[in-house]
Amino acid sequence: MAEKSDLFQIKKSIETCVGERVQLKANKGRKKAFIKEGVIENSYPSIFIIKFENEYETTRRVSYSYTDVLTKAVELVICKDDKTIRVS
């Protein structure tokens, strides 16, 4: 069972990466996945926001909860200096 400290650790990991480029994989159910690259824009007590830009120069902001990362509904890979750091 997941503990409160696990959720706190995930939150701290994401808070330190605000402004960093990430690759996000969100499971949408029934073998469907959303894989996109974006920037962690902000971190709040219950959620964090990722900003995506597409080829049409439009910006899309999507919010996810830290529980989504804990339950592996969302996976983040931080792209920092050509290194990949997994947040989970």
PDB file of N, CA and C in Angstrom:
ATOM      1  N   MET A   1       0.840  -1.179   0.000  1.00  0.00           N
ATOM      2  CA  MET A   1       0.000   0.000   0.000  1.00  0.00           C
ATOM      3  C   MET A   1       0.885   1.243   0.000  1.00  0.00           C
ATOM      4  N   ALA A   2       0.465   2.234  -0.747  1.00  0.00           N
ATOM      5  CA  ALA A   2       1.233   3.470  -0.840  1.00  0.00           C
ATOM      6  C   ALA A   2       1.097   4.268   0.452  1.00  0.00           C
ATOM      7  N   GLU A   3       2.196   4.865   0.837  1.00  0.00           N
ATOM      8  CA  GLU A   3       2.200   5.643   2.064  1.00  0.00           C
ATOM      9  C   GLU A   3       2.190   7.131   1.747  1.00  0.00           C
ATOM     10  N   LYS A   4       1.893   7.906   2.756  1.00  0.00           N
ATOM     11  CA  LYS A   4       1.859   9.352   2.609  1.00  0.00           C
ATOM     12  C   LYS A   4       3.243   9.898   2.269  1.00  0.00           C
ATOM     13  N   SER A   5       4.285   9.260   2.778  1.00  0.00           N
ATOM     14  CA  SER A   5       5.644   9.715   2.498  1.00  0.00           C
ATOM     15  C   SER A   5       6.004   9.523   1.026  1.00  0.00           C
ATOM     16  N   ASP A   6       5.445   8.473   0.381  1.00  0.00           N
ATOM     17  CA  ASP A   6       5.688   8.265  -1.047  1.00  0.00           C
ATOM     18  C   ASP A   6       5.116   9.424  -1.858  1.00  0.00           C
ATOM     19  N   LEU A   7       3.926   9.836  -1.514  1.00  0.00           N
ATOM     20  CA  LEU A   7       3.269  10.947  -2.199  1.00  0.00           C
ATOM     21  C   LEU A   7       4.042  12.246  -1.975  1.00  0.00           C
ATOM     22  N   PHE A   8       4.532  12.443  -0.766  1.00  0.00           N
ATOM     23  CA  PHE A   8       5.328  13.627  -0.444  1.00  0.00           C
ATOM     24  C   PHE A   8       6.630  13.634  -1.244  1.00  0.00           C
ATOM     25  N   GLN A   9       7.254  12.474  -1.389  1.00  0.00           N
ATOM     26  CA  GLN A   9       8.498  12.360  -2.153  1.00  0.00           C
ATOM     27  C   GLN A   9       8.265  12.686  -3.628  1.00  0.00           C
ATOM     28  N   ILE A  10       7.169  12.196  -4.192  1.00  0.00           N
ATOM     29  CA  ILE A  10       6.834  12.491  -5.589  1.00  0.00           C
ATOM     30  C   ILE A  10       6.607  13.991  -5.761  1.00  0.00           C
ATOM     31  N   LYS A  11       5.890  14.586  -4.830  1.00  0.00           N
ATOM     32  CA  LYS A  11       5.612  16.023  -4.893  1.00  0.00           C
ATOM     33  C   LYS A  11       6.906  16.828  -4.857  1.00  0.00           C
ATOM     34  N   LYS A  12       7.818  16.483  -3.965  1.00  0.00           N
ATOM     35  CA  LYS A  12       9.097  17.192  -3.863  1.00  0.00           C
ATOM     36  C   LYS A  12       9.928  17.023  -5.134  1.00  0.00           C
ATOM     37  N   SER A  13       9.916  15.821  -5.716  1.00  0.00           N
ATOM     38  CA  SER A  13      10.658  15.571  -6.954  1.00  0.00           C
ATOM     39  C   SER A  13      10.142  16.443  -8.088  1.00  0.00           C
ATOM     40  N   ILE A  14       8.842  16.569  -8.181  1.00  0.00           N
ATOM     41  CA  ILE A  14       8.252  17.375  -9.250  1.00  0.00           C
ATOM     42  C   ILE A  14       8.471  18.861  -8.991  1.00  0.00           C
ATOM     43  N   GLU A  15       8.380  19.292  -7.736  1.00  0.00           N
ATOM     44  CA  GLU A  15       8.596  20.706  -7.411  1.00  0.00           C
ATOM     45  C   GLU A  15      10.004  21.164  -7.773  1.00  0.00           C
ATOM     46  N   THR A  16      10.991  20.294  -7.631  1.00  0.00           N
ATOM     47  CA  THR A  16      12.365  20.679  -7.968  1.00  0.00           C
ATOM     48  C   THR A  16      12.585  20.757  -9.473  1.00  0.00           C
ATOM     49  N   CYS A  17      11.661  20.213 -10.247  1.00  0.00           N
ATOM     50  CA  CYS A  17      11.816  20.178 -11.702  1.00  0.00           C
ATOM     51  C   CYS A  17      10.907  21.164 -12.426  1.00  0.00           C
ATOM     52  N   VAL A  18      10.342  22.123 -11.729  1.00  0.00           N
ATOM     53  CA  VAL A  18       9.492  23.127 -12.381  1.00  0.00           C
ATOM     54  C   VAL A  18      10.343  23.898 -13.386  1.00  0.00           C
ATOM     55  N   GLY A  19       9.841  24.019 -14.604  1.00  0.00           N
ATOM     56  CA  GLY A  19      10.576  24.685 -15.674  1.00  0.00           C
ATOM     57  C   GLY A  19      11.387  23.739 -16.531  1.00  0.00           C
ATOM     58  N   GLU A  20      11.479  22.486 -16.140  1.00  0.00           N
ATOM     59  CA  GLU A  20      12.259  21.493 -16.884  1.00  0.00           C
ATOM     60  C   GLU A  20      11.403  20.828 -17.960  1.00  0.00           C
ATOM     61  N   ARG A  21      12.052  20.390 -19.022  1.00  0.00           N
ATOM     62  CA  ARG A  21      11.386  19.663 -20.095  1.00  0.00           C
ATOM     63  C   ARG A  21      11.198  18.214 -19.658  1.00  0.00           C
ATOM     64  N   VAL A  22       9.990  17.683 -19.880  1.00  0.00           N
ATOM     65  CA  VAL A  22       9.670  16.316 -19.493  1.00  0.00           C
ATOM     66  C   VAL A  22       8.982  15.591 -20.640  1.00  0.00           C
ATOM     67  N   GLN A  23       9.096  14.281 -20.599  1.00  0.00           N
ATOM     68  CA  GLN A  23       8.316  13.439 -21.496  1.00  0.00           C
ATOM     69  C   GLN A  23       7.256  12.773 -20.631  1.00  0.00           C
ATOM     70  N   LEU A  24       6.001  12.926 -21.028  1.00  0.00           N
ATOM     71  CA  LEU A  24       4.887  12.433 -20.239  1.00  0.00           C
ATOM     72  C   LEU A  24       4.195  11.302 -20.980  1.00  0.00           C
ATOM     73  N   LYS A  25       3.889  10.249 -20.243  1.00  0.00           N
ATOM     74  CA  LYS A  25       3.102   9.149 -20.789  1.00  0.00           C
ATOM     75  C   LYS A  25       1.901   8.976 -19.874  1.00  0.00           C
ATOM     76  N   ALA A  26       0.715   9.239 -20.421  1.00  0.00           N
ATOM     77  CA  ALA A  26      -0.521   9.115 -19.650  1.00  0.00           C
ATOM     78  C   ALA A  26      -1.328   7.957 -20.207  1.00  0.00           C
ATOM     79  N   ASN A  27      -1.677   7.022 -19.348  1.00  0.00           N
ATOM     80  CA  ASN A  27      -2.501   5.892 -19.759  1.00  0.00           C
ATOM     81  C   ASN A  27      -3.952   6.341 -19.808  1.00  0.00           C
ATOM     82  N   LYS A  28      -4.571   6.138 -20.967  1.00  0.00           N
ATOM     83  CA  LYS A  28      -5.961   6.559 -21.144  1.00  0.00           C
ATOM     84  C   LYS A  28      -6.925   5.385 -21.082  1.00  0.00           C
ATOM     85  N   GLY A  29      -6.414   4.212 -20.767  1.00  0.00           N
ATOM     86  CA  GLY A  29      -7.271   3.039 -20.626  1.00  0.00           C
ATOM     87  C   GLY A  29      -7.378   2.246 -21.912  1.00  0.00           C
ATOM     88  N   ARG A  30      -7.659   0.973 -21.764  1.00  0.00           N
ATOM     89  CA  ARG A  30      -7.853   0.051 -22.882  1.00  0.00           C
ATOM     90  C   ARG A  30      -6.735   0.134 -23.919  1.00  0.00           C
ATOM     91  N   LYS A  31      -5.506   0.040 -23.436  1.00  0.00           N
ATOM     92  CA  LYS A  31      -4.310   0.001 -24.272  1.00  0.00           C
ATOM     93  C   LYS A  31      -4.073   1.285 -25.068  1.00  0.00           C
ATOM     94  N   LYS A  32      -4.580   2.396 -24.579  1.00  0.00           N
ATOM     95  CA  LYS A  32      -4.356   3.687 -25.219  1.00  0.00           C
ATOM     96  C   LYS A  32      -3.437   4.509 -24.325  1.00  0.00           C
ATOM     97  N   ALA A  33      -2.466   5.142 -24.937  1.00  0.00           N
ATOM     98  CA  ALA A  33      -1.529   5.963 -24.170  1.00  0.00           C
ATOM     99  C   ALA A  33      -1.301   7.281 -24.899  1.00  0.00           C
ATOM    100  N   PHE A  34      -1.101   8.325 -24.126  1.00  0.00           N
ATOM    101  CA  PHE A  34      -0.831   9.669 -24.617  1.00  0.00           C
ATOM    102  C   PHE A  34       0.620   9.963 -24.277  1.00  0.00           C
ATOM    103  N   ILE A  35       1.485  10.082 -25.283  1.00  0.00           N
ATOM    104  CA  ILE A  35       2.903  10.359 -25.052  1.00  0.00           C
ATOM    105  C   ILE A  35       3.221  11.701 -25.695  1.00  0.00           C
ATOM    106  N   LYS A  36       3.707  12.626 -24.885  1.00  0.00           N
ATOM    107  CA  LYS A  36       3.972  13.973 -25.369  1.00  0.00           C
ATOM    108  C   LYS A  36       5.111  14.577 -24.568  1.00  0.00           C
ATOM    109  N   GLU A  37       5.798  15.544 -25.156  1.00  0.00           N
ATOM    110  CA  GLU A  37       6.875  16.238 -24.471  1.00  0.00           C
ATOM    111  C   GLU A  37       6.415  17.655 -24.143  1.00  0.00           C
ATOM    112  N   GLY A  38       6.693  18.090 -22.931  1.00  0.00           N
ATOM    113  CA  GLY A  38       6.271  19.416 -22.500  1.00  0.00           C
ATOM    114  C   GLY A  38       7.153  19.943 -21.384  1.00  0.00           C
ATOM    115  N   VAL A  39       6.685  20.989 -20.724  1.00  0.00           N
ATOM    116  CA  VAL A  39       7.432  21.642 -19.653  1.00  0.00           C
ATOM    117  C   VAL A  39       6.550  21.680 -18.405  1.00  0.00           C
ATOM    118  N   ILE A  40       7.131  21.330 -17.260  1.00  0.00           N
ATOM    119  CA  ILE A  40       6.391  21.455 -16.000  1.00  0.00           C
ATOM    120  C   ILE A  40       6.288  22.946 -15.700  1.00  0.00           C
ATOM    121  N   GLU A  41       5.071  23.452 -15.759  1.00  0.00           N
ATOM    122  CA  GLU A  41       4.876  24.894 -15.626  1.00  0.00           C
ATOM    123  C   GLU A  41       4.758  25.337 -14.176  1.00  0.00           C
ATOM    124  N   ASN A  42       3.995  24.596 -13.386  1.00  0.00           N
ATOM    125  CA  ASN A  42       3.799  24.998 -12.001  1.00  0.00           C
ATOM    126  C   ASN A  42       3.428  23.795 -11.155  1.00  0.00           C
ATOM    127  N   SER A  43       3.628  23.936  -9.861  1.00  0.00           N
ATOM    128  CA  SER A  43       3.313  22.876  -8.915  1.00  0.00           C
ATOM    129  C   SER A  43       2.468  23.465  -7.795  1.00  0.00           C
ATOM    130  N   TYR A  44       1.364  22.826  -7.506  1.00  0.00           N
ATOM    131  CA  TYR A  44       0.443  23.260  -6.462  1.00  0.00           C
ATOM    132  C   TYR A  44       0.333  22.159  -5.413  1.00  0.00           C
ATOM    133  N   PRO A  45      -0.360  22.406  -4.295  1.00  0.00           N
ATOM    134  CA  PRO A  45      -0.432  21.386  -3.238  1.00  0.00           C
ATOM    135  C   PRO A  45      -1.006  20.040  -3.677  1.00  0.00           C
ATOM    136  N   SER A  46      -1.961  20.027  -4.598  1.00  0.00           N
ATOM    137  CA  SER A  46      -2.579  18.759  -4.998  1.00  0.00           C
ATOM    138  C   SER A  46      -2.307  18.363  -6.438  1.00  0.00           C
ATOM    139  N   ILE A  47      -1.931  19.332  -7.275  1.00  0.00           N
ATOM    140  CA  ILE A  47      -1.744  19.061  -8.704  1.00  0.00           C
ATOM    141  C   ILE A  47      -0.476  19.729  -9.224  1.00  0.00           C
ATOM    142  N   PHE A  48      -0.075  19.330 -10.421  1.00  0.00           N
ATOM    143  CA  PHE A  48       0.981  20.022 -11.149  1.00  0.00           C
ATOM    144  C   PHE A  48       0.500  20.220 -12.578  1.00  0.00           C
ATOM    145  N   ILE A  49       1.030  21.241 -13.245  1.00  0.00           N
ATOM    146  CA  ILE A  49       0.578  21.603 -14.583  1.00  0.00           C
ATOM    147  C   ILE A  49       1.725  21.441 -15.563  1.00  0.00           C
ATOM    148  N   ILE A  50       1.418  20.808 -16.692  1.00  0.00           N
ATOM    149  CA  ILE A  50       2.393  20.638 -17.764  1.00  0.00           C
ATOM    150  C   ILE A  50       1.891  21.391 -18.985  1.00  0.00           C
ATOM    151  N   LYS A  51       2.787  22.160 -19.596  1.00  0.00           N
ATOM    152  CA  LYS A  51       2.447  22.945 -20.779  1.00  0.00           C
ATOM    153  C   LYS A  51       2.996  22.235 -22.013  1.00  0.00           C
ATOM    154  N   PHE A  52       2.101  21.988 -22.968  1.00  0.00           N
ATOM    155  CA  PHE A  52       2.469  21.357 -24.230  1.00  0.00           C
ATOM    156  C   PHE A  52       2.313  22.368 -25.352  1.00  0.00           C
ATOM    157  N   GLU A  53       3.209  22.305 -26.331  1.00  0.00           N
ATOM    158  CA  GLU A  53       3.066  23.109 -27.540  1.00  0.00           C
ATOM    159  C   GLU A  53       3.049  22.156 -28.719  1.00  0.00           C
ATOM    160  N   ASN A  54       2.179  22.441 -29.686  1.00  0.00           N
ATOM    161  CA  ASN A  54       2.126  21.569 -30.854  1.00  0.00           C
ATOM    162  C   ASN A  54       2.665  22.288 -32.082  1.00  0.00           C
ATOM    163  N   GLU A  55       2.580  21.628 -33.215  1.00  0.00           N
ATOM    164  CA  GLU A  55       3.160  22.168 -34.443  1.00  0.00           C
ATOM    165  C   GLU A  55       2.421  23.402 -34.960  1.00  0.00           C
ATOM    166  N   TYR A  56       1.242  23.683 -34.455  1.00  0.00           N
ATOM    167  CA  TYR A  56       0.471  24.847 -34.887  1.00  0.00           C
ATOM    168  C   TYR A  56       0.685  26.046 -33.971  1.00  0.00           C
ATOM    169  N   GLU A  57       1.682  25.978 -33.125  1.00  0.00           N
ATOM    170  CA  GLU A  57       2.058  27.036 -32.192  1.00  0.00           C
ATOM    171  C   GLU A  57       0.934  27.400 -31.220  1.00  0.00           C
ATOM    172  N   THR A  58       0.126  26.433 -30.884  1.00  0.00           N
ATOM    173  CA  THR A  58      -0.877  26.646 -29.847  1.00  0.00           C
ATOM    174  C   THR A  58      -0.394  25.980 -28.567  1.00  0.00           C
ATOM    175  N   THR A  59      -0.757  26.563 -27.451  1.00  0.00           N
ATOM    176  CA  THR A  59      -0.326  26.052 -26.158  1.00  0.00           C
ATOM    177  C   THR A  59      -1.491  25.353 -25.480  1.00  0.00           C
ATOM    178  N   ARG A  60      -1.183  24.218 -24.887  1.00  0.00           N
ATOM    179  CA  ARG A  60      -2.191  23.460 -24.146  1.00  0.00           C
ATOM    180  C   ARG A  60      -1.629  23.169 -22.763  1.00  0.00           C
ATOM    181  N   ARG A  61      -2.414  23.429 -21.748  1.00  0.00           N
ATOM    182  CA  ARG A  61      -1.998  23.149 -20.375  1.00  0.00           C
ATOM    183  C   ARG A  61      -2.886  22.051 -19.812  1.00  0.00           C
ATOM    184  N   VAL A  62      -2.240  21.068 -19.200  1.00  0.00           N
ATOM    185  CA  VAL A  62      -2.966  19.934 -18.632  1.00  0.00           C
ATOM    186  C   VAL A  62      -2.513  19.763 -17.192  1.00  0.00           C
ATOM    187  N   SER A  63      -3.467  19.526 -16.302  1.00  0.00           N
ATOM    188  CA  SER A  63      -3.115  19.320 -14.896  1.00  0.00           C
ATOM    189  C   SER A  63      -3.251  17.843 -14.545  1.00  0.00           C
ATOM    190  N   TYR A  64      -2.350  17.386 -13.705  1.00  0.00           N
ATOM    191  CA  TYR A  64      -2.346  16.012 -13.208  1.00  0.00           C
ATOM    192  C   TYR A  64      -2.146  16.058 -11.702  1.00  0.00           C
ATOM    193  N   SER A  65      -2.635  15.055 -11.018  1.00  0.00           N
ATOM    194  CA  SER A  65      -2.435  14.994  -9.569  1.00  0.00           C
ATOM    195  C   SER A  65      -1.210  14.129  -9.269  1.00  0.00           C
ATOM    196  N   TYR A  66      -0.662  14.308  -8.088  1.00  0.00           N
ATOM    197  CA  TYR A  66       0.482  13.502  -7.672  1.00  0.00           C
ATOM    198  C   TYR A  66       0.069  12.045  -7.494  1.00  0.00           C
ATOM    199  N   THR A  67      -1.199  11.819  -7.210  1.00  0.00           N
ATOM    200  CA  THR A  67      -1.718  10.456  -7.082  1.00  0.00           C
ATOM    201  C   THR A  67      -1.666   9.729  -8.419  1.00  0.00           C
ATOM    202  N   ASP A  68      -1.843  10.474  -9.527  1.00  0.00           N
ATOM    203  CA  ASP A  68      -1.727   9.865 -10.854  1.00  0.00           C
ATOM    204  C   ASP A  68      -0.333   9.278 -11.067  1.00  0.00           C
ATOM    205  N   VAL A  69       0.682   9.978 -10.590  1.00  0.00           N
ATOM    206  CA  VAL A  69       2.059   9.480 -10.709  1.00  0.00           C
ATOM    207  C   VAL A  69       2.255   8.277  -9.791  1.00  0.00           C
ATOM    208  N   LEU A  70       1.707   8.354  -8.585  1.00  0.00           N
ATOM    209  CA  LEU A  70       1.838   7.268  -7.613  1.00  0.00           C
ATOM    210  C   LEU A  70       1.193   5.982  -8.119  1.00  0.00           C
ATOM    211  N   THR A  71       0.033   6.096  -8.747  1.00  0.00           N
ATOM    212  CA  THR A  71      -0.686   4.915  -9.249  1.00  0.00           C
ATOM    213  C   THR A  71      -0.238   4.506 -10.646  1.00  0.00           C
ATOM    214  N   LYS A  72       0.754   5.211 -11.182  1.00  0.00           N
ATOM    215  CA  LYS A  72       1.324   4.934 -12.497  1.00  0.00           C
ATOM    216  C   LYS A  72       0.336   5.147 -13.644  1.00  0.00           C
ATOM    217  N   ALA A  73      -0.668   5.984 -13.435  1.00  0.00           N
ATOM    218  CA  ALA A  73      -1.545   6.401 -14.527  1.00  0.00           C
ATOM    219  C   ALA A  73      -0.818   7.422 -15.395  1.00  0.00           C
ATOM    220  N   VAL A  74       0.166   8.109 -14.790  1.00  0.00           N
ATOM    221  CA  VAL A  74       1.003   9.077 -15.491  1.00  0.00           C
ATOM    222  C   VAL A  74       2.452   8.753 -15.163  1.00  0.00           C
ATOM    223  N   GLU A  75       3.296   8.715 -16.191  1.00  0.00           N
ATOM    224  CA  GLU A  75       4.733   8.495 -15.995  1.00  0.00           C
ATOM    225  C   GLU A  75       5.476   9.698 -16.543  1.00  0.00           C
ATOM    226  N   LEU A  76       6.440  10.203 -15.779  1.00  0.00           N
ATOM    227  CA  LEU A  76       7.237  11.350 -16.191  1.00  0.00           C
ATOM    228  C   LEU A  76       8.690  10.944 -16.340  1.00  0.00           C
ATOM    229  N   VAL A  77       9.302  11.396 -17.432  1.00  0.00           N
ATOM    230  CA  VAL A  77      10.738  11.242 -17.624  1.00  0.00           C
ATOM    231  C   VAL A  77      11.285  12.642 -17.834  1.00  0.00           C
ATOM    232  N   ILE A  78      12.178  13.073 -16.972  1.00  0.00           N
ATOM    233  CA  ILE A  78      12.726  14.420 -17.037  1.00  0.00           C
ATOM    234  C   ILE A  78      13.932  14.413 -17.960  1.00  0.00           C
ATOM    235  N   CYS A  79      13.906  15.277 -18.951  1.00  0.00           N
ATOM    236  CA  CYS A  79      14.983  15.377 -19.937  1.00  0.00           C
ATOM    237  C   CYS A  79      15.904  16.515 -19.506  1.00  0.00           C
ATOM    238  N   LYS A  80      16.963  16.183 -18.809  1.00  0.00           N
ATOM    239  CA  LYS A  80      17.876  17.184 -18.269  1.00  0.00           C
ATOM    240  C   LYS A  80      19.285  16.868 -18.757  1.00  0.00           C
ATOM    241  N   ASP A  81      19.873  17.775 -19.524  1.00  0.00           N
ATOM    242  CA  ASP A  81      21.227  17.611 -20.054  1.00  0.00           C
ATOM    243  C   ASP A  81      21.390  16.280 -20.783  1.00  0.00           C
ATOM    244  N   ASP A  82      20.414  15.937 -21.603  1.00  0.00           N
ATOM    245  CA  ASP A  82      20.401  14.687 -22.370  1.00  0.00           C
ATOM    246  C   ASP A  82      20.444  13.443 -21.490  1.00  0.00           C
ATOM    247  N   LYS A  83      20.057  13.575 -20.241  1.00  0.00           N
ATOM    248  CA  LYS A  83      19.928  12.430 -19.339  1.00  0.00           C
ATOM    249  C   LYS A  83      18.450  12.249 -19.043  1.00  0.00           C
ATOM    250  N   THR A  84      18.046  11.034 -18.822  1.00  0.00           N
ATOM    251  CA  THR A  84      16.652  10.801 -18.466  1.00  0.00           C
ATOM    252  C   THR A  84      16.571  10.427 -16.998  1.00  0.00           C
ATOM    253  N   ILE A  85      15.716  11.124 -16.283  1.00  0.00           N
ATOM    254  CA  ILE A  85      15.492  10.862 -14.866  1.00  0.00           C
ATOM    255  C   ILE A  85      14.020  10.521 -14.715  1.00  0.00           C
ATOM    256  N   ARG A  86      13.743   9.353 -14.201  1.00  0.00           N
ATOM    257  CA  ARG A  86      12.362   8.894 -14.066  1.00  0.00           C
ATOM    258  C   ARG A  86      11.801   9.332 -12.719  1.00  0.00           C
ATOM    259  N   VAL A  87      10.594   9.895 -12.751  1.00  0.00           N
ATOM    260  CA  VAL A  87       9.894  10.289 -11.528  1.00  0.00           C
ATOM    261  C   VAL A  87       8.799   9.277 -11.290  1.00  0.00           C
ATOM    262  N   SER A  88       8.862   8.566 -10.170  1.00  0.00           N
ATOM    263  CA  SER A  88       7.794   7.615  -9.819  1.00  0.00           C
ATOM    264  C   SER A  88       7.881   7.262  -8.362  1.00  0.00           C
TER     265      SER A  88
END
